[in-house]
């Protein structure tokens, strides 16, 4: 298809829709640089698919870790065509990386206004609200997540975390156990179970689940090497199992991907302190 569109573009180089079709096929083939360049050509040639083209530009910038440029492209995509729901998730990720949690939450809320039954948007919203310590709102979003995406384990996992943060441990346990039925041995879910049993003063159970969480999160970060939150959770699991040098390495990897992640900076400092490296802890 790409070959045919490129041949057609030789005869109609100013056809914006042809340029968009070329950009779309580059995207499907994983040609990130060409995707971005051709999508910009489509925009300059007044393509009818303006929102989609800006979305492809944003994806290309995000892949190149040019986060400010990606955010600008996604914002233009939303303005041109609010119905592209994937844009809201990606834009919220950029805002999170920029330590703009309130903006990240706001854009996801706009996304659920556009697509009020999109469970995946609610799953992301639950996670961000928890990171922002807005636990009651996180519970509300989590309930929507499992309502609209009842077969997605992450909805139950994030709702489990929200209830744990709100100190409603029995309800949190129920949702974490549901998540494990959908995805056995999930590292993040096991980590939250370890936290629950820790708060309930059940150290043996807590240690068991923390140990399981390490193995699961190691596997998760192998499969998702560019996802900063995975290393954040892995660092927490290492910290909970007293593997302090490993926790430091995980947190440092997280900060390579997301340098402004405040909770990770704090946890890294605490880990250095436990490792008797007071200078690094102060820094």
Protein backbone atom coordinates (compact mmCIF):
# COMPACT_ATOMS: atom_id res chain seq x y z
CA UNK A 1 0.00 0.00 0.00
CA UNK A 2 2.82 2.38 0.89
CA UNK A 3 4.47 1.71 -2.47
CA UNK A 4 1.27 2.54 -4.37
CA UNK A 5 0.59 5.73 -2.40
CA UNK A 6 4.15 6.96 -2.93
CA UNK A 7 3.81 6.39 -6.68
CA UNK A 8 0.53 8.32 -6.68
CA UNK A 9 2.17 11.17 -4.74
CA UNK A 10 4.67 11.66 -7.56
CA UNK A 11 1.76 12.85 -9.72
CA UNK A 12 -0.01 14.77 -6.92
CA UNK A 13 2.66 15.95 -4.45
CA UNK A 14 0.36 18.63 -2.98
CA UNK A 15 -2.43 16.17 -2.13
CA UNK A 16 -2.61 16.25 1.65
CA UNK A 17 -4.75 13.13 1.94
CA UNK A 18 -2.21 11.13 -0.06
CA UNK A 19 0.54 12.34 2.27
CA UNK A 20 -1.57 11.31 5.25
CA UNK A 21 -2.05 7.83 3.76
CA UNK A 22 1.72 7.55 3.33
CA UNK A 23 2.26 8.65 6.95
CA UNK A 24 -0.35 6.17 8.19
CA UNK A 25 1.32 3.27 6.41
CA UNK A 26 4.74 4.32 7.68
CA UNK A 27 3.22 4.21 11.18
CA UNK A 28 1.85 0.72 10.65
CA UNK A 29 5.27 -0.42 9.43
CA UNK A 30 7.07 1.14 12.41
CA UNK A 31 8.92 3.74 10.32
CA UNK A 32 8.71 6.38 13.02
CA UNK A 33 10.83 9.14 11.47
CA UNK A 34 9.14 8.90 8.06
CA UNK A 35 5.76 8.79 9.80
CA UNK A 36 6.37 12.15 11.47
CA UNK A 37 7.87 13.85 8.43
CA UNK A 38 5.08 12.76 6.10
CA UNK A 39 2.33 13.56 8.59
CA UNK A 40 3.69 17.13 8.78
CA UNK A 41 3.62 17.29 4.98
CA UNK A 42 -0.02 16.18 5.09
CA UNK A 43 -0.84 18.96 7.56
CA UNK A 44 0.95 21.56 5.43
CA UNK A 45 -1.03 20.33 2.40
CA UNK A 46 -4.35 20.76 4.26
CA UNK A 47 -5.31 17.12 4.65
CA UNK A 48 -8.88 16.36 5.66
CA UNK A 49 -7.44 14.12 8.38
CA UNK A 50 -5.92 16.92 10.43
CA UNK A 51 -6.55 15.39 13.87
CA UNK A 52 -5.18 12.02 12.82
CA UNK A 53 -2.13 13.62 11.21
CA UNK A 54 -1.26 15.60 14.34
CA UNK A 55 -1.67 12.38 16.33
CA UNK A 56 0.91 10.66 14.12
CA UNK A 57 3.25 13.63 14.56
CA UNK A 58 2.83 13.37 18.32
CA UNK A 59 3.60 9.65 18.29
CA UNK A 60 6.77 10.29 16.31
CA UNK A 61 7.97 13.01 18.70
CA UNK A 62 7.10 10.85 21.71
CA UNK A 63 9.13 7.94 20.30
CA UNK A 64 12.08 10.35 19.95
CA UNK A 65 11.52 11.51 23.56
CA UNK A 66 10.83 15.07 22.39
CA UNK A 67 8.09 15.45 24.96
CA UNK A 68 7.30 19.16 24.64
CA UNK A 69 6.90 18.83 20.87
CA UNK A 70 4.79 15.68 21.33
CA UNK A 71 2.50 17.44 23.81
CA UNK A 72 1.99 20.34 21.41
CA UNK A 73 1.14 17.95 18.55
CA UNK A 74 -1.33 16.00 20.71
CA UNK A 75 -2.99 19.24 21.85
CA UNK A 76 -3.46 20.22 18.21
CA UNK A 77 -4.87 16.78 17.47
CA UNK A 78 -7.46 17.16 20.24
CA UNK A 79 -8.41 20.62 18.94
CA UNK A 80 -8.82 19.33 15.39
CA UNK A 81 -10.67 16.11 16.23
CA UNK A 82 -11.67 15.52 19.88
CA UNK A 83 -13.00 12.01 19.14
CA UNK A 84 -9.55 10.33 18.83
CA UNK A 85 -9.52 8.76 22.31
CA UNK A 86 -5.95 7.40 22.10
CA UNK A 87 -4.65 10.98 22.09
CA UNK A 88 -5.89 11.59 25.63
CA UNK A 89 -3.92 8.66 27.06
CA UNK A 90 -0.74 9.64 25.24
CA UNK A 91 -1.02 13.31 26.16
CA UNK A 92 -1.59 12.43 29.81
CA UNK A 93 1.58 10.30 29.73
CA UNK A 94 3.54 13.27 28.42
CA UNK A 95 2.15 15.54 31.14
CA UNK A 96 3.04 12.94 33.75
CA UNK A 97 6.63 12.80 32.47
CA UNK A 98 6.71 16.60 32.73
CA UNK A 99 5.52 16.34 36.35
CA UNK A 100 2.22 18.02 35.39
CA UNK A 101 -0.09 15.64 37.23
CA UNK A 102 -3.07 17.96 37.39
CA UNK A 103 -2.85 18.57 33.63
CA UNK A 104 -2.55 14.82 33.04
CA UNK A 105 -5.66 14.19 35.12
CA UNK A 106 -7.57 17.02 33.43
CA UNK A 107 -6.86 15.67 29.94
CA UNK A 108 -8.01 12.18 30.90
CA UNK A 109 -11.21 13.64 32.33
CA UNK A 110 -11.76 15.35 28.98
CA UNK A 111 -11.19 11.99 27.35
CA UNK A 112 -13.92 10.28 29.36
CA UNK A 113 -16.27 13.15 28.51
CA UNK A 114 -15.70 12.34 24.84
CA UNK A 115 -15.81 8.56 25.40
CA UNK A 116 -17.68 7.98 28.69
CA UNK A 117 -17.60 4.18 28.48
CA UNK A 118 -13.89 3.78 27.68
CA UNK A 119 -12.66 1.60 30.54
CA UNK A 120 -9.00 2.00 29.59
CA UNK A 121 -9.20 5.77 30.07
CA UNK A 122 -10.64 5.21 33.53
CA UNK A 123 -7.86 2.71 34.30
CA UNK A 124 -5.24 5.37 33.49
CA UNK A 125 -7.18 8.00 35.41
CA UNK A 126 -7.30 5.80 38.52
CA UNK A 127 -3.52 5.37 38.44
CA UNK A 128 -2.82 9.09 38.03
CA UNK A 129 -5.25 10.09 40.77
CA UNK A 130 -3.49 7.66 43.11
CA UNK A 131 -0.08 9.11 42.21
CA UNK A 132 -1.50 12.57 42.97
CA UNK A 133 -2.74 11.30 46.37
CA UNK A 134 -6.37 11.97 45.41
CA UNK A 135 -7.53 8.64 46.78
CA UNK A 136 -11.29 9.15 46.96
CA UNK A 137 -11.38 10.34 43.35
CA UNK A 138 -9.20 7.38 42.41
CA UNK A 139 -11.74 5.00 43.92
CA UNK A 140 -14.51 6.64 41.91
CA UNK A 141 -12.54 6.33 38.67
CA UNK A 142 -11.59 2.75 39.51
CA UNK A 143 -15.22 1.76 39.93
CA UNK A 144 -15.91 3.13 36.44
CA UNK A 145 -12.87 1.25 35.11
CA UNK A 146 -14.11 -2.16 36.24
CA UNK A 147 -17.65 -1.32 35.15
CA UNK A 148 -16.65 -0.55 31.56
CA UNK A 149 -13.66 -2.92 31.29
CA UNK A 150 -14.62 -5.86 33.53
CA UNK A 151 -12.10 -8.23 31.93
CA UNK A 152 -9.07 -5.91 32.24
CA UNK A 153 -7.04 -6.89 35.29
CA UNK A 154 -5.43 -3.45 35.63
CA UNK A 155 -8.76 -1.87 36.54
CA UNK A 156 -8.99 -4.11 39.61
CA UNK A 157 -5.30 -3.67 40.42
CA UNK A 158 -5.52 0.13 40.35
CA UNK A 159 -8.75 0.08 42.35
CA UNK A 160 -7.02 -2.18 44.88
CA UNK A 161 -4.26 0.40 45.24
CA UNK A 162 -6.77 3.23 45.66
CA UNK A 163 -8.63 1.38 48.41
CA UNK A 164 -5.31 0.52 50.10
CA UNK A 165 -4.32 4.20 50.12
CA UNK A 166 -7.73 4.97 51.63
CA UNK A 167 -7.04 2.29 54.32
CA UNK A 168 -10.02 0.18 53.26
CA UNK A 169 -7.98 -3.00 53.30
CA UNK A 170 -10.64 -5.70 53.03
CA UNK A 171 -12.19 -4.09 49.96
CA UNK A 172 -8.70 -3.64 48.50
CA UNK A 173 -7.99 -7.35 49.04
CA UNK A 174 -11.09 -8.35 47.15
CA UNK A 175 -10.14 -6.32 44.10
CA UNK A 176 -6.50 -7.46 44.10
CA UNK A 177 -7.63 -11.09 44.25
CA UNK A 178 -9.96 -10.48 41.30
CA UNK A 179 -7.01 -9.01 39.38
CA UNK A 180 -4.93 -12.12 40.07
CA UNK A 181 -7.71 -14.35 38.77
CA UNK A 182 -7.49 -12.45 35.50
CA UNK A 183 -3.68 -12.33 35.45
CA UNK A 184 -1.99 -14.75 37.85
CA UNK A 185 1.45 -13.77 39.17
CA UNK A 186 1.11 -10.12 38.14
CA UNK A 187 3.92 -8.26 39.88
CA UNK A 188 2.10 -5.02 40.63
CA UNK A 189 -0.95 -6.77 42.09
CA UNK A 190 1.24 -8.93 44.32
CA UNK A 191 3.06 -5.80 45.49
CA UNK A 192 -0.20 -4.20 46.59
CA UNK A 193 -1.19 -7.41 48.39
CA UNK A 194 2.15 -7.25 50.21
CA UNK A 195 1.34 -3.67 51.27
CA UNK A 196 -2.12 -4.61 52.49
CA UNK A 197 -0.82 -7.45 54.66
CA UNK A 198 1.98 -5.21 55.94
CA UNK A 199 -0.57 -2.62 57.08
CA UNK A 200 -2.67 -5.39 58.61
CA UNK A 201 0.40 -6.52 60.59
CA UNK A 202 0.65 -9.90 58.90
CA UNK A 203 4.39 -9.98 58.17
CA UNK A 204 4.63 -13.54 56.82
CA UNK A 205 1.90 -13.00 54.23
CA UNK A 206 3.34 -9.61 53.40
CA UNK A 207 6.80 -11.06 52.77
CA UNK A 208 5.36 -13.82 50.58
CA UNK A 209 3.56 -11.41 48.27
CA UNK A 210 6.42 -8.91 48.16
CA UNK A 211 8.72 -11.73 47.02
CA UNK A 212 6.24 -12.69 44.28
CA UNK A 213 5.99 -9.07 43.20
CA UNK A 214 9.73 -8.80 42.49
CA UNK A 215 9.67 -11.69 40.02
CA UNK A 216 6.56 -10.37 38.29
CA UNK A 217 7.89 -6.83 37.99
CA UNK A 218 11.27 -7.98 36.67
CA UNK A 219 9.39 -9.73 33.88
CA UNK A 220 7.16 -6.70 33.32
CA UNK A 221 10.10 -4.30 32.92
CA UNK A 222 11.76 -6.72 30.48
CA UNK A 223 8.63 -6.61 28.35
CA UNK A 224 8.13 -2.84 28.78
CA UNK A 225 11.66 -1.36 28.94
CA UNK A 226 10.54 2.19 28.13
CA UNK A 227 7.74 2.39 30.71
CA UNK A 228 9.01 4.39 33.69
CA UNK A 229 6.25 3.37 36.10
CA UNK A 230 7.34 -0.27 35.85
CA UNK A 231 10.77 0.59 37.26
CA UNK A 232 9.13 2.70 39.97
CA UNK A 233 7.10 -0.31 41.09
CA UNK A 234 10.10 -2.63 40.77
CA UNK A 235 12.14 -0.28 42.95
CA UNK A 236 9.36 -0.30 45.53
CA UNK A 237 9.28 -4.11 45.48
CA UNK A 238 13.05 -4.30 45.94
CA UNK A 239 12.82 -1.80 48.78
CA UNK A 240 10.08 -3.84 50.45
CA UNK A 241 12.26 -6.97 50.27
CA UNK A 242 15.35 -5.13 51.59
CA UNK A 243 17.25 -5.43 48.28
CA UNK A 244 18.49 -1.86 48.57
CA UNK A 245 21.20 -1.81 45.83
CA UNK A 246 18.69 -3.26 43.36
CA UNK A 247 16.09 -0.69 44.44
CA UNK A 248 18.60 2.09 43.73
CA UNK A 249 19.28 0.74 40.24
CA UNK A 250 15.55 0.43 39.47
CA UNK A 251 14.80 3.96 40.67
CA UNK A 252 17.72 5.37 38.67
CA UNK A 253 16.44 3.61 35.54
CA UNK A 254 12.99 5.08 36.19
CA UNK A 255 14.48 8.58 36.45
CA UNK A 256 16.33 8.12 33.16
CA UNK A 257 12.91 7.71 31.54
CA UNK A 258 11.03 10.21 33.73
CA UNK A 259 13.48 12.65 35.38
CA UNK A 260 10.79 14.66 37.22
CA UNK A 261 9.06 11.75 38.98
CA UNK A 262 8.94 13.22 42.48
CA UNK A 263 7.98 10.06 44.38
CA UNK A 264 10.89 8.21 42.78
CA UNK A 265 13.38 10.95 43.65
CA UNK A 266 12.22 10.74 47.26
CA UNK A 267 12.39 6.92 47.31
CA UNK A 268 15.85 6.98 45.75
CA UNK A 269 17.07 9.37 48.44
CA UNK A 270 15.60 7.12 51.13
CA UNK A 271 17.26 4.08 49.54
CA UNK A 272 20.64 5.82 49.53
CA UNK A 273 20.14 6.59 53.21
CA UNK A 274 19.39 2.93 53.98
CA UNK A 275 22.53 2.06 51.99
CA UNK A 276 24.54 4.45 54.24
CA UNK A 277 25.33 6.75 51.31
CA UNK A 278 24.42 10.00 53.03
CA UNK A 279 25.93 12.27 50.39
CA UNK A 280 23.82 10.77 47.59
CA UNK A 281 20.81 10.83 49.88
CA UNK A 282 21.25 14.56 50.51
CA UNK A 283 21.68 15.21 46.78
